[in-house]
Protein backbone atom coordinates (compact mmCIF):
# COMPACT_ATOMS: atom_id res chain seq x y z
CA UNK A 1 2.76 -23.93 -4.68
CA UNK A 2 1.68 -26.15 -2.98
CA UNK A 3 -2.58 -27.72 -2.81
CA UNK A 4 -4.81 -28.58 0.36
CA UNK A 5 -4.94 -32.21 -0.05
CA UNK A 6 -1.14 -32.34 -0.68
CA UNK A 7 -0.57 -30.27 2.43
CA UNK A 8 -2.89 -32.38 4.11
CA UNK A 9 -1.24 -36.08 3.40
CA UNK A 10 2.10 -34.48 3.72
CA UNK A 11 1.18 -33.70 7.47
CA UNK A 12 -0.85 -36.55 7.93
CA UNK A 13 -4.02 -34.68 8.88
CA UNK A 14 -7.74 -35.05 7.70
CA UNK A 15 -7.86 -32.26 4.39
CA UNK A 16 -11.10 -30.84 6.36
CA UNK A 17 -8.74 -30.37 9.33
CA UNK A 18 -6.71 -28.10 6.77
CA UNK A 19 -9.98 -26.22 5.60
CA UNK A 20 -11.17 -25.46 8.69
CA UNK A 21 -7.55 -23.93 9.53
CA UNK A 22 -7.96 -22.34 6.57
CA UNK A 23 -10.83 -20.56 6.81
CA UNK A 24 -10.09 -20.08 11.15
CA UNK A 25 -6.84 -17.73 9.40
CA UNK A 26 -8.65 -16.56 6.87
CA UNK A 27 -8.05 -13.45 7.08
CA UNK A 28 -4.54 -13.94 7.62
CA UNK A 29 -3.72 -16.66 4.54
CA UNK A 30 -5.21 -14.25 2.09
CA UNK A 31 -2.63 -13.31 0.36
CA UNK A 32 -0.99 -16.46 0.41
CA UNK A 33 -3.72 -18.45 -1.17
CA UNK A 34 -3.74 -18.58 -4.86
CA UNK A 35 -6.70 -20.71 -7.21
CA UNK A 36 -6.33 -21.76 -10.59
CA UNK A 37 -8.94 -24.40 -12.74
CA UNK A 38 -11.13 -24.13 -9.47
CA UNK A 39 -8.31 -25.45 -6.60
CA UNK A 40 -6.22 -23.75 -4.10
CA UNK A 41 -2.64 -23.57 -3.66
CA UNK A 42 -0.58 -22.85 -0.07
CA UNK A 43 2.87 -20.86 -1.23
CA UNK A 44 5.52 -21.34 1.16
CA UNK A 45 4.48 -17.62 3.89
CA UNK A 46 0.94 -19.81 3.79
CA UNK A 47 2.38 -23.24 5.11
CA UNK A 48 4.45 -21.98 7.74
CA UNK A 49 1.65 -20.38 8.92
CA UNK A 50 -0.14 -23.30 9.16
CA UNK A 51 2.32 -25.12 10.93
CA UNK A 52 2.46 -21.85 13.31
CA UNK A 53 -1.05 -22.67 14.04
CA UNK A 54 -0.44 -26.32 14.18
CA UNK A 55 1.50 -27.27 16.53
CA UNK A 56 0.51 -28.62 19.78
CA UNK A 57 -0.06 -26.41 22.88
CA UNK A 58 0.60 -27.85 26.09
CA UNK A 59 -1.69 -27.80 29.30
CA UNK A 60 -0.31 -28.27 32.87
CA UNK A 61 -2.69 -28.91 35.26
CA UNK A 62 -2.01 -29.15 38.78
CA UNK A 63 -4.21 -30.96 41.24
CA UNK A 64 -4.87 -27.58 43.02
CA UNK A 65 -6.92 -29.19 46.50
CA UNK A 66 -7.02 -32.27 48.03
CA UNK A 67 -10.29 -34.05 46.90
CA UNK A 68 -9.22 -33.87 43.41
CA UNK A 69 -6.24 -35.99 44.88
CA UNK A 70 -8.45 -38.25 46.11
CA UNK A 71 -10.42 -38.47 44.09
CA UNK A 72 -7.79 -39.95 41.33
CA UNK A 73 -6.78 -41.66 43.67
CA UNK A 74 -9.73 -43.56 44.03
CA UNK A 75 -10.76 -43.46 40.28
CA UNK A 76 -6.88 -45.15 40.55
CA UNK A 77 -7.87 -47.66 43.09
CA UNK A 78 -11.07 -48.57 41.31
CA UNK A 79 -9.57 -49.12 38.02
CA UNK A 80 -7.15 -51.56 39.61
CA UNK A 81 -9.55 -53.54 40.81
CA UNK A 82 -11.39 -53.59 37.86
CA UNK A 83 -8.59 -54.68 36.53
CA UNK A 84 -8.64 -57.48 39.51
CA UNK A 85 -11.89 -58.36 38.01
CA UNK A 86 -11.37 -58.89 34.53
CA UNK A 87 -8.27 -61.49 35.68
CA UNK A 88 -10.70 -63.56 37.34
CA UNK A 89 -13.52 -63.34 34.32
CA UNK A 90 -10.64 -64.49 32.13
CA UNK A 91 -9.87 -67.44 34.10
CA UNK A 92 -12.80 -68.03 35.03
CA UNK A 93 -13.92 -67.72 31.44
CA UNK A 94 -11.06 -70.13 30.77
CA UNK A 95 -12.11 -72.96 32.85
CA UNK A 96 -15.63 -72.72 31.13
CA UNK A 97 -13.56 -72.77 28.26
CA UNK A 98 -12.20 -76.80 28.76
CA UNK A 99 -15.23 -77.29 31.28
CA UNK A 100 -16.82 -76.90 27.99
CA UNK A 101 -14.59 -78.80 25.51
CA UNK A 102 -14.00 -81.74 28.14
CA UNK A 103 -17.85 -82.41 27.67
CA UNK A 104 -17.74 -82.15 23.73
CA UNK A 105 -14.92 -84.65 24.11
CA UNK A 106 -17.17 -86.63 25.97
CA UNK A 107 -20.19 -86.35 23.86
CA UNK A 108 -18.22 -87.18 20.84
CA UNK A 109 -17.15 -90.67 23.21
CA UNK A 110 -20.86 -91.12 23.59
CA UNK A 111 -21.35 -90.78 20.00
CA UNK A 112 -18.09 -92.49 19.01
CA UNK A 113 -19.77 -95.80 21.25
CA UNK A 114 -23.44 -95.55 20.70
CA UNK A 115 -22.25 -95.74 16.72
CA UNK A 116 -20.14 -98.47 17.46
CA UNK A 117 -23.30 -100.52 19.71
CA UNK A 118 -25.08 -100.00 17.08
CA UNK A 119 -22.85 -101.93 14.27
CA UNK A 120 -22.30 -104.52 17.31
CA UNK A 121 -26.11 -104.97 17.63
CA UNK A 122 -27.06 -104.85 13.51
CA UNK A 123 -23.38 -107.58 12.98
CA UNK A 124 -25.08 -109.25 16.21
CA UNK A 125 -28.70 -109.67 14.57
CA UNK A 126 -27.03 -111.29 11.15
CA UNK A 127 -25.19 -113.81 12.68
CA UNK A 128 -28.59 -114.29 14.69
CA UNK A 129 -30.15 -114.77 11.15
CA UNK A 130 -27.69 -116.55 9.62
CA UNK A 131 -28.09 -119.09 12.53
CA UNK A 132 -31.30 -118.80 12.40
CA UNK A 133 -31.29 -119.70 8.74
CA UNK A 134 -28.68 -122.23 9.20
CA UNK A 135 -30.42 -124.22 11.87
CA UNK A 136 -33.57 -124.07 8.68
CA UNK A 137 -31.45 -125.35 6.33
CA UNK A 138 -30.26 -128.41 8.68
CA UNK A 139 -33.52 -128.97 10.23
CA UNK A 140 -35.31 -129.51 6.58
CA UNK A 141 -32.10 -131.46 5.88
CA UNK A 142 -33.24 -133.96 8.55
CA UNK A 143 -36.82 -134.18 8.19
CA UNK A 144 -35.98 -134.49 5.16
CA UNK A 145 -33.58 -138.04 6.11
CA UNK A 146 -36.14 -138.09 7.69
CA UNK A 147 -39.23 -138.86 5.72
CA UNK A 148 -36.29 -140.58 3.80
CA UNK A 149 -35.66 -142.99 6.73
CA UNK A 150 -40.01 -143.28 6.81
CA UNK A 151 -39.68 -144.54 3.39
CA UNK A 152 -37.12 -146.95 3.40
CA UNK A 153 -39.11 -148.15 7.16
CA UNK A 154 -42.14 -148.67 5.39
CA UNK A 155 -40.67 -149.54 1.74
CA UNK A 156 -38.80 -152.87 4.35
CA UNK A 157 -42.23 -153.16 5.94
CA UNK A 158 -44.05 -153.79 2.69
CA UNK A 159 -40.83 -156.27 2.33
CA UNK A 160 -41.05 -157.58 5.64
CA UNK A 161 -44.66 -158.75 5.18
CA UNK A 162 -44.69 -160.16 1.65
CA UNK A 163 -42.75 -162.80 3.29
CA UNK A 164 -44.14 -166.44 4.78
CA UNK A 165 -42.43 -168.55 7.78
CA UNK A 166 -41.80 -171.92 5.66
CA UNK A 167 -41.62 -175.24 7.15
CA UNK A 168 -38.60 -175.31 8.80
CA UNK A 169 -38.47 -171.94 10.37
CA UNK A 170 -37.46 -170.17 6.87
CA UNK A 171 -39.13 -167.43 5.35
CA UNK A 172 -40.65 -167.50 2.25
CA UNK A 173 -41.80 -165.24 -0.16
CA UNK A 174 -45.63 -165.97 -0.56
């Protein structure tokens, strides 16, 4: 004795398919199915009956007329043509994917170059600022030196004016 679920699993078919077979062949199977606690069990005879009805049936179809043969040939030709189109489209798709990847690569390179240029520009700006600061400090230093020299000159002129020419061309302090 086997349950309907076990039978379905054993023969690799759905439970629903077995249930439909039981309904379809109810008259033949009624003495071979037993119920216990709400579960239906099949005996060996029920399994054999279901097996016999489940056997695949071979169907032979002959092409009776020339029109059917021509339609089949046309369908085969259409399938071949569509397969060629698919192959062509796959080739085009591959080429487009290659082009897309090249474009992405070029875009990535351009982004890298733009970043590099920005970094170079920042470095140049920093160098220019450093050079300007150095120039300012040198100008300030030269300005101080110039101021010191002017101060020394003014002192030297004051000291020079404190001398007067003496009798024999010598200078003496006033």
